[in-house]
Amino acid sequence: MRDAKFAGWGLERPARPMFYAPLAQNVDYNNAMMKKLELMSHYISGIMLVTNQSPGSLEPLLTAALAELAPNMTITGIRTMQQQVELSFDQERAVASLAGLFGTVALILAAIGLYAVTAYSVAQRTNEIGIRMALGADRPKVIRLVLSGAFKRVLVGLILGLPLAVGAGRLISAQLYGVSSWDPLALSLAAGALGICSFIAAMIPANRAASISPMNALRIE
């Protein structure tokens, strides 16, 4: 028999060496709880069926077969092995969903903050942008000027944030199951998502700056 994991031990831990023994050999009949447990073991609590058929087509056949075999038997539910395993990860899935929600909120707040800082910077440099445009700077150059300032802030954030993310992953590695604490793909996707959101947030004030008339920009105090 291959190694098996039990939910009571924690599925994130490696399989432990074990063997099966008759329950009746280990029951303390002076203990009411153990007597109840031994009595419950006389009844069928679950049936595992190995088949190549789809669960949808198998369920009515299985229900009819069990009804014919034992009419008094009550079927409380039919699940695939994958569904049964997923029930053991409800808490982990909830934590992951919550972490994803917090990450999305943080990304939105970062984009809003970058937009606000870039818009304020453009407002402060309106005269400078007007002078540059009067001296021959075209629209693409103005956009590049604004975007370069915005992405310098993003670069500083990534330089500080990525090592902290790796360190935090190592700290919570004991709480992770089936996920490595060091995942270059996930970090790359997160950095890419931040870059895309930052680009969109910075392009709004950059376009606004590039659309200013040089004469109007020079009049702004």
C-alpha atoms as a PDB file:
ATOM      1  CA  MET A   1       0.000   0.000   0.000  1.00  0.00           C
ATOM      2  CA  ARG A   2       1.321   3.460  -0.847  1.00  0.00           C
ATOM      3  CA  ASP A   3       1.820   6.133   1.788  1.00  0.00           C
ATOM      4  CA  ALA A   4      -1.318   8.057   2.700  1.00  0.00           C
ATOM      5  CA  LYS A   5      -1.888  11.374   4.456  1.00  0.00           C
ATOM      6  CA  PHE A   6      -4.668  12.030   6.942  1.00  0.00           C
ATOM      7  CA  ALA A   7      -6.337  15.393   7.435  1.00  0.00           C
ATOM      8  CA  GLY A   8      -6.106  15.085  11.223  1.00  0.00           C
ATOM      9  CA  TRP A   9      -2.301  15.129  11.025  1.00  0.00           C
ATOM     10  CA  GLY A  10      -2.131  18.000   8.561  1.00  0.00           C
ATOM     11  CA  LEU A  11      -1.850  17.414   4.828  1.00  0.00           C
ATOM     12  CA  GLU A  12       1.135  19.757   4.597  1.00  0.00           C
ATOM     13  CA  ARG A  13       3.267  17.314   6.615  1.00  0.00           C
ATOM     14  CA  PRO A  14       4.985  14.273   5.093  1.00  0.00           C
ATOM     15  CA  ALA A  15       3.305  10.869   5.411  1.00  0.00           C
ATOM     16  CA  ARG A  16       4.129   9.078   8.651  1.00  0.00           C
ATOM     17  CA  PRO A  17       4.849   5.345   8.951  1.00  0.00           C
ATOM     18  CA  MET A  18       1.790   3.544  10.283  1.00  0.00           C
ATOM     19  CA  PHE A  19      -0.102   0.272  10.270  1.00  0.00           C
ATOM     20  CA  TYR A  20      -3.736  -0.730  10.722  1.00  0.00           C
ATOM     21  CA  ALA A  21      -4.998  -2.779  13.661  1.00  0.00           C
ATOM     22  CA  PRO A  22      -8.508  -3.955  14.578  1.00  0.00           C
ATOM     23  CA  LEU A  23     -10.286  -1.294  16.586  1.00  0.00           C
ATOM     24  CA  ALA A  24     -11.694  -3.838  19.017  1.00  0.00           C
ATOM     25  CA  GLN A  25      -8.155  -4.682  20.211  1.00  0.00           C
ATOM     26  CA  ASN A  26      -7.591  -1.110  21.368  1.00  0.00           C
ATOM     27  CA  VAL A  27     -10.960  -0.250  22.894  1.00  0.00           C
ATOM     28  CA  ASP A  28     -11.191   0.514  26.587  1.00  0.00           C
ATOM     29  CA  TYR A  29     -14.742  -0.670  27.259  1.00  0.00           C
ATOM     30  CA  ASN A  30     -14.802   1.256  30.525  1.00  0.00           C
ATOM     31  CA  ASN A  31     -14.575   4.451  28.487  1.00  0.00           C
ATOM     32  CA  ALA A  32     -17.998   5.515  27.160  1.00  0.00           C
ATOM     33  CA  MET A  33     -16.506   7.489  24.273  1.00  0.00           C
ATOM     34  CA  MET A  34     -14.374   4.546  23.128  1.00  0.00           C
ATOM     35  CA  LYS A  35     -17.375   2.223  23.345  1.00  0.00           C
ATOM     36  CA  LYS A  36     -19.402   4.629  21.179  1.00  0.00           C
ATOM     37  CA  LEU A  37     -16.543   4.847  18.676  1.00  0.00           C
ATOM     38  CA  GLU A  38     -16.280   1.059  18.475  1.00  0.00           C
ATOM     39  CA  LEU A  39     -20.048   0.758  17.969  1.00  0.00           C
ATOM     40  CA  MET A  40     -19.981   3.344  15.160  1.00  0.00           C
ATOM     41  CA  SER A  41     -17.242   1.362  13.420  1.00  0.00           C
ATOM     42  CA  HIS A  42     -19.767  -1.447  12.781  1.00  0.00           C
ATOM     43  CA  TYR A  43     -21.620   0.763  10.310  1.00  0.00           C
ATOM     44  CA  ILE A  44     -20.596   1.959   6.867  1.00  0.00           C
ATOM     45  CA  SER A  45     -19.596   5.618   6.942  1.00  0.00           C
ATOM     46  CA  GLY A  46     -18.031   5.871   3.514  1.00  0.00           C
ATOM     47  CA  ILE A  47     -17.484   3.920   0.315  1.00  0.00           C
ATOM     48  CA  MET A  48     -14.654   4.580  -2.132  1.00  0.00           C
ATOM     49  CA  LEU A  49     -15.267   3.526  -5.729  1.00  0.00           C
ATOM     50  CA  VAL A  50     -12.586   3.494  -8.442  1.00  0.00           C
ATOM     51  CA  THR A  51     -14.112   4.028 -11.880  1.00  0.00           C
ATOM     52  CA  ASN A  52     -13.469   5.595 -15.265  1.00  0.00           C
ATOM     53  CA  GLN A  53     -17.003   6.995 -15.585  1.00  0.00           C
ATOM     54  CA  SER A  54     -17.828  10.640 -15.020  1.00  0.00           C
ATOM     55  CA  PRO A  55     -19.369  11.528 -11.617  1.00  0.00           C
ATOM     56  CA  GLY A  56     -22.548  12.832 -13.269  1.00  0.00           C
ATOM     57  CA  SER A  57     -23.356   9.567 -15.041  1.00  0.00           C
ATOM     58  CA  LEU A  58     -22.218   7.412 -12.130  1.00  0.00           C
ATOM     59  CA  GLU A  59     -24.305   9.014  -9.390  1.00  0.00           C
ATOM     60  CA  PRO A  60     -27.766   7.653 -10.418  1.00  0.00           C
ATOM     61  CA  LEU A  61     -26.295   4.183 -11.042  1.00  0.00           C
ATOM     62  CA  LEU A  62     -24.608   4.181  -7.651  1.00  0.00           C
ATOM     63  CA  THR A  63     -27.737   5.417  -5.885  1.00  0.00           C
ATOM     64  CA  ALA A  64     -29.858   2.715  -7.528  1.00  0.00           C
ATOM     65  CA  ALA A  65     -27.325  -0.040  -6.720  1.00  0.00           C
ATOM     66  CA  LEU A  66     -27.071   0.932  -3.053  1.00  0.00           C
ATOM     67  CA  ALA A  67     -30.866   1.253  -2.752  1.00  0.00           C
ATOM     68  CA  GLU A  68     -31.245  -2.283  -4.080  1.00  0.00           C
ATOM     69  CA  LEU A  69     -28.494  -3.628  -1.837  1.00  0.00           C
ATOM     70  CA  ALA A  70     -29.557  -1.886   1.374  1.00  0.00           C
ATOM     71  CA  PRO A  71     -32.891  -0.001   1.150  1.00  0.00           C
ATOM     72  CA  ASN A  72     -32.456   1.423   4.675  1.00  0.00           C
ATOM     73  CA  MET A  73     -29.062   2.947   3.862  1.00  0.00           C
ATOM     74  CA  THR A  74     -29.094   6.746   3.649  1.00  0.00           C
ATOM     75  CA  ILE A  75     -26.764   8.446   1.173  1.00  0.00           C
ATOM     76  CA  THR A  76     -25.736  11.840   2.554  1.00  0.00           C
ATOM     77  CA  GLY A  77     -23.509  12.871  -0.329  1.00  0.00           C
ATOM     78  CA  ILE A  78     -21.467  11.700  -3.301  1.00  0.00           C
ATOM     79  CA  ARG A  79     -18.147  13.421  -3.977  1.00  0.00           C
ATOM     80  CA  THR A  80     -15.147  12.821  -6.159  1.00  0.00           C
ATOM     81  CA  MET A  81     -11.767  12.291  -4.512  1.00  0.00           C
ATOM     82  CA  GLN A  82     -10.686  15.727  -5.730  1.00  0.00           C
ATOM     83  CA  GLN A  83     -13.687  17.318  -4.037  1.00  0.00           C
ATOM     84  CA  GLN A  84     -12.981  15.375  -0.861  1.00  0.00           C
ATOM     85  CA  VAL A  85      -9.373  16.583  -0.798  1.00  0.00           C
ATOM     86  CA  GLU A  86     -10.439  20.175  -1.464  1.00  0.00           C
ATOM     87  CA  LEU A  87     -12.636  20.098   1.645  1.00  0.00           C
ATOM     88  CA  SER A  88      -9.457  19.801   3.701  1.00  0.00           C
ATOM     89  CA  PHE A  89      -8.159  23.097   2.304  1.00  0.00           C
ATOM     90  CA  ASP A  90     -11.151  25.362   2.975  1.00  0.00           C
ATOM     91  CA  GLN A  91      -9.220  27.408   5.551  1.00  0.00           C
ATOM     92  CA  GLU A  92      -6.135  27.732   3.348  1.00  0.00           C
ATOM     93  CA  ARG A  93      -8.309  28.713   0.367  1.00  0.00           C
ATOM     94  CA  ALA A  94     -10.078  31.374   2.447  1.00  0.00           C
ATOM     95  CA  VAL A  95      -6.755  32.817   3.617  1.00  0.00           C
ATOM     96  CA  ALA A  96      -5.432  32.831   0.041  1.00  0.00           C
ATOM     97  CA  SER A  97      -8.572  34.600  -1.214  1.00  0.00           C
ATOM     98  CA  LEU A  98      -8.300  37.175   1.551  1.00  0.00           C
ATOM     99  CA  ALA A  99      -4.614  37.743   0.786  1.00  0.00           C
ATOM    100  CA  GLY A 100      -5.453  38.147  -2.906  1.00  0.00           C
ATOM    101  CA  LEU A 101      -8.126  40.707  -2.025  1.00  0.00           C
ATOM    102  CA  PHE A 102      -5.691  42.679   0.144  1.00  0.00           C
ATOM    103  CA  GLY A 103      -3.099  42.519  -2.642  1.00  0.00           C
ATOM    104  CA  THR A 104      -5.595  43.894  -5.167  1.00  0.00           C
ATOM    105  CA  VAL A 105      -6.584  46.728  -2.817  1.00  0.00           C
ATOM    106  CA  ALA A 106      -2.904  47.527  -2.216  1.00  0.00           C
ATOM    107  CA  LEU A 107      -2.249  47.604  -5.972  1.00  0.00           C
ATOM    108  CA  ILE A 108      -5.177  49.996  -6.537  1.00  0.00           C
ATOM    109  CA  LEU A 109      -4.010  52.251  -3.696  1.00  0.00           C
ATOM    110  CA  ALA A 110      -0.460  52.255  -5.092  1.00  0.00           C
ATOM    111  CA  ALA A 111      -1.740  53.251  -8.534  1.00  0.00           C
ATOM    112  CA  ILE A 112      -3.897  56.039  -7.057  1.00  0.00           C
ATOM    113  CA  GLY A 113      -0.970  57.280  -4.988  1.00  0.00           C
ATOM    114  CA  LEU A 114       1.363  57.287  -7.977  1.00  0.00           C
ATOM    115  CA  TYR A 115      -1.220  59.159 -10.037  1.00  0.00           C
ATOM    116  CA  ALA A 116      -1.604  61.789  -7.325  1.00  0.00           C
ATOM    117  CA  VAL A 117       2.152  62.271  -6.888  1.00  0.00           C
ATOM    118  CA  THR A 118       2.750  62.433 -10.649  1.00  0.00           C
ATOM    119  CA  ALA A 119      -0.112  64.879 -11.184  1.00  0.00           C
ATOM    120  CA  TYR A 120       1.240  67.095  -8.405  1.00  0.00           C
ATOM    121  CA  SER A 121       4.738  66.923  -9.893  1.00  0.00           C
ATOM    122  CA  VAL A 122       3.405  67.892 -13.328  1.00  0.00           C
ATOM    123  CA  ALA A 123       1.517  70.823 -11.814  1.00  0.00           C
ATOM    124  CA  GLN A 124       4.718  72.008 -10.098  1.00  0.00           C
ATOM    125  CA  ARG A 125       6.717  71.716 -13.331  1.00  0.00           C
ATOM    126  CA  THR A 126       4.198  73.292 -15.685  1.00  0.00           C
ATOM    127  CA  ASN A 127       6.426  76.294 -16.404  1.00  0.00           C
ATOM    128  CA  GLU A 128       9.413  74.023 -17.041  1.00  0.00           C
ATOM    129  CA  ILE A 129       7.372  71.863 -19.416  1.00  0.00           C
ATOM    130  CA  GLY A 130       6.193  75.010 -21.220  1.00  0.00           C
ATOM    131  CA  ILE A 131       9.785  76.207 -21.666  1.00  0.00           C
ATOM    132  CA  ARG A 132      10.851  72.792 -22.974  1.00  0.00           C
ATOM    133  CA  MET A 133       8.000  72.766 -25.479  1.00  0.00           C
ATOM    134  CA  ALA A 134       8.750  76.358 -26.538  1.00  0.00           C
ATOM    135  CA  LEU A 135      12.370  75.334 -27.205  1.00  0.00           C
ATOM    136  CA  GLY A 136      11.285  72.468 -29.443  1.00  0.00           C
ATOM    137  CA  ALA A 137      10.366  69.539 -27.183  1.00  0.00           C
ATOM    138  CA  ASP A 138       7.569  67.595 -28.840  1.00  0.00           C
ATOM    139  CA  ARG A 139       4.733  65.638 -27.255  1.00  0.00           C
ATOM    140  CA  PRO A 140       6.564  62.254 -27.015  1.00  0.00           C
ATOM    141  CA  LYS A 141       9.515  63.878 -25.234  1.00  0.00           C
ATOM    142  CA  VAL A 142       7.234  65.491 -22.658  1.00  0.00           C
ATOM    143  CA  ILE A 143       5.472  62.179 -22.046  1.00  0.00           C
ATOM    144  CA  ARG A 144       8.818  60.412 -21.638  1.00  0.00           C
ATOM    145  CA  LEU A 145       9.925  63.095 -19.172  1.00  0.00           C
ATOM    146  CA  VAL A 146       6.872  62.611 -16.972  1.00  0.00           C
ATOM    147  CA  LEU A 147       6.936  58.805 -17.222  1.00  0.00           C
ATOM    148  CA  SER A 148      10.641  58.625 -16.344  1.00  0.00           C
ATOM    149  CA  GLY A 149       9.993  60.547 -13.125  1.00  0.00           C
ATOM    150  CA  ALA A 150       7.079  58.277 -12.235  1.00  0.00           C
ATOM    151  CA  PHE A 151       8.938  55.054 -12.949  1.00  0.00           C
ATOM    152  CA  LYS A 152      11.910  56.126 -10.853  1.00  0.00           C
ATOM    153  CA  ARG A 153       9.544  55.978  -7.887  1.00  0.00           C
ATOM    154  CA  VAL A 154       8.251  52.584  -9.016  1.00  0.00           C
ATOM    155  CA  LEU A 155      11.822  51.295  -9.356  1.00  0.00           C
ATOM    156  CA  VAL A 156      12.661  52.416  -5.822  1.00  0.00           C
ATOM    157  CA  GLY A 157       9.528  50.663  -4.566  1.00  0.00           C
ATOM    158  CA  LEU A 158      10.459  47.416  -6.349  1.00  0.00           C
ATOM    159  CA  ILE A 159      14.036  47.530  -5.054  1.00  0.00           C
ATOM    160  CA  LEU A 160      12.720  47.829  -1.508  1.00  0.00           C
ATOM    161  CA  GLY A 161       9.652  45.629  -1.884  1.00  0.00           C
ATOM    162  CA  LEU A 162      10.979  42.525  -3.647  1.00  0.00           C
ATOM    163  CA  PRO A 163      13.563  41.601  -0.941  1.00  0.00           C
ATOM    164  CA  LEU A 164      10.906  42.207   1.715  1.00  0.00           C
ATOM    165  CA  ALA A 165       8.476  39.941  -0.168  1.00  0.00           C
ATOM    166  CA  VAL A 166      11.086  37.164  -0.386  1.00  0.00           C
ATOM    167  CA  GLY A 167      11.896  37.536   3.313  1.00  0.00           C
ATOM    168  CA  ALA A 168       8.222  37.471   4.297  1.00  0.00           C
ATOM    169  CA  GLY A 169       7.734  34.345   2.171  1.00  0.00           C
ATOM    170  CA  ARG A 170      10.499  32.575   4.077  1.00  0.00           C
ATOM    171  CA  LEU A 171       8.976  33.603   7.391  1.00  0.00           C
ATOM    172  CA  ILE A 172       5.576  32.101   6.545  1.00  0.00           C
ATOM    173  CA  SER A 173       6.926  29.104   4.617  1.00  0.00           C
ATOM    174  CA  ALA A 174       5.700  26.782   7.386  1.00  0.00           C
ATOM    175  CA  GLN A 175       2.114  27.938   6.706  1.00  0.00           C
ATOM    176  CA  LEU A 176       2.286  27.255   2.945  1.00  0.00           C
ATOM    177  CA  TYR A 177       1.146  24.027   1.293  1.00  0.00           C
ATOM    178  CA  GLY A 178       2.083  23.141  -2.264  1.00  0.00           C
ATOM    179  CA  VAL A 179       3.566  26.616  -2.777  1.00  0.00           C
ATOM    180  CA  SER A 180       7.227  27.543  -2.616  1.00  0.00           C
ATOM    181  CA  SER A 181       8.291  30.526  -0.513  1.00  0.00           C
ATOM    182  CA  TRP A 182      10.506  31.569  -3.444  1.00  0.00           C
ATOM    183  CA  ASP A 183       8.495  31.809  -6.660  1.00  0.00           C
ATOM    184  CA  PRO A 184      10.216  33.917  -9.351  1.00  0.00           C
ATOM    185  CA  LEU A 185       7.203  33.639 -11.670  1.00  0.00           C
ATOM    186  CA  ALA A 186       4.786  35.011  -9.066  1.00  0.00           C
ATOM    187  CA  LEU A 187       7.168  37.834  -8.171  1.00  0.00           C
ATOM    188  CA  SER A 188       7.642  38.669 -11.857  1.00  0.00           C
ATOM    189  CA  LEU A 189       3.875  38.724 -12.440  1.00  0.00           C
ATOM    190  CA  ALA A 190       3.378  40.962  -9.394  1.00  0.00           C
ATOM    191  CA  ALA A 191       6.102  43.348 -10.563  1.00  0.00           C
ATOM    192  CA  GLY A 192       4.629  43.336 -14.076  1.00  0.00           C
ATOM    193  CA  ALA A 193       1.128  44.075 -12.769  1.00  0.00           C
ATOM    194  CA  LEU A 194       2.517  46.949 -10.711  1.00  0.00           C
ATOM    195  CA  GLY A 195       4.364  48.272 -13.762  1.00  0.00           C
ATOM    196  CA  ILE A 196       1.244  48.152 -15.959  1.00  0.00           C
ATOM    197  CA  CYS A 197      -0.925  49.891 -13.346  1.00  0.00           C
ATOM    198  CA  SER A 198       1.800  52.469 -12.776  1.00  0.00           C
ATOM    199  CA  PHE A 199       2.058  53.137 -16.508  1.00  0.00           C
ATOM    200  CA  ILE A 200      -1.696  53.699 -16.782  1.00  0.00           C
ATOM    201  CA  ALA A 201      -1.718  55.924 -13.686  1.00  0.00           C
ATOM    202  CA  ALA A 202       1.227  58.006 -14.938  1.00  0.00           C
ATOM    203  CA  MET A 203       0.002  58.312 -18.517  1.00  0.00           C
ATOM    204  CA  ILE A 204      -3.012  60.412 -17.470  1.00  0.00           C
ATOM    205  CA  PRO A 205      -0.996  63.364 -16.096  1.00  0.00           C
ATOM    206  CA  ALA A 206       1.673  62.806 -18.778  1.00  0.00           C
ATOM    207  CA  ASN A 207      -0.894  63.256 -21.565  1.00  0.00           C
ATOM    208  CA  ARG A 208      -2.317  66.249 -19.750  1.00  0.00           C
ATOM    209  CA  ALA A 209       1.149  67.826 -19.539  1.00  0.00           C
ATOM    210  CA  ALA A 210       1.861  67.142 -23.213  1.00  0.00           C
ATOM    211  CA  SER A 211      -1.435  68.785 -24.194  1.00  0.00           C
ATOM    212  CA  ILE A 212      -0.654  72.104 -22.499  1.00  0.00           C
ATOM    213  CA  SER A 213      -0.014  75.002 -24.851  1.00  0.00           C
ATOM    214  CA  PRO A 214       3.489  76.454 -24.298  1.00  0.00           C
ATOM    215  CA  MET A 215       2.048  79.981 -24.040  1.00  0.00           C
ATOM    216  CA  ASN A 216      -0.509  78.937 -21.436  1.00  0.00           C
ATOM    217  CA  ALA A 217       2.114  76.978 -19.491  1.00  0.00           C
ATOM    218  CA  LEU A 218       4.422  79.994 -19.319  1.00  0.00           C
ATOM    219  CA  ARG A 219       1.588  82.187 -17.975  1.00  0.00           C
ATOM    220  CA  ILE A 220       0.891  79.813 -15.044  1.00  0.00           C
ATOM    221  CA  GLU A 221       2.516  81.024 -11.828  1.00  0.00           C
END
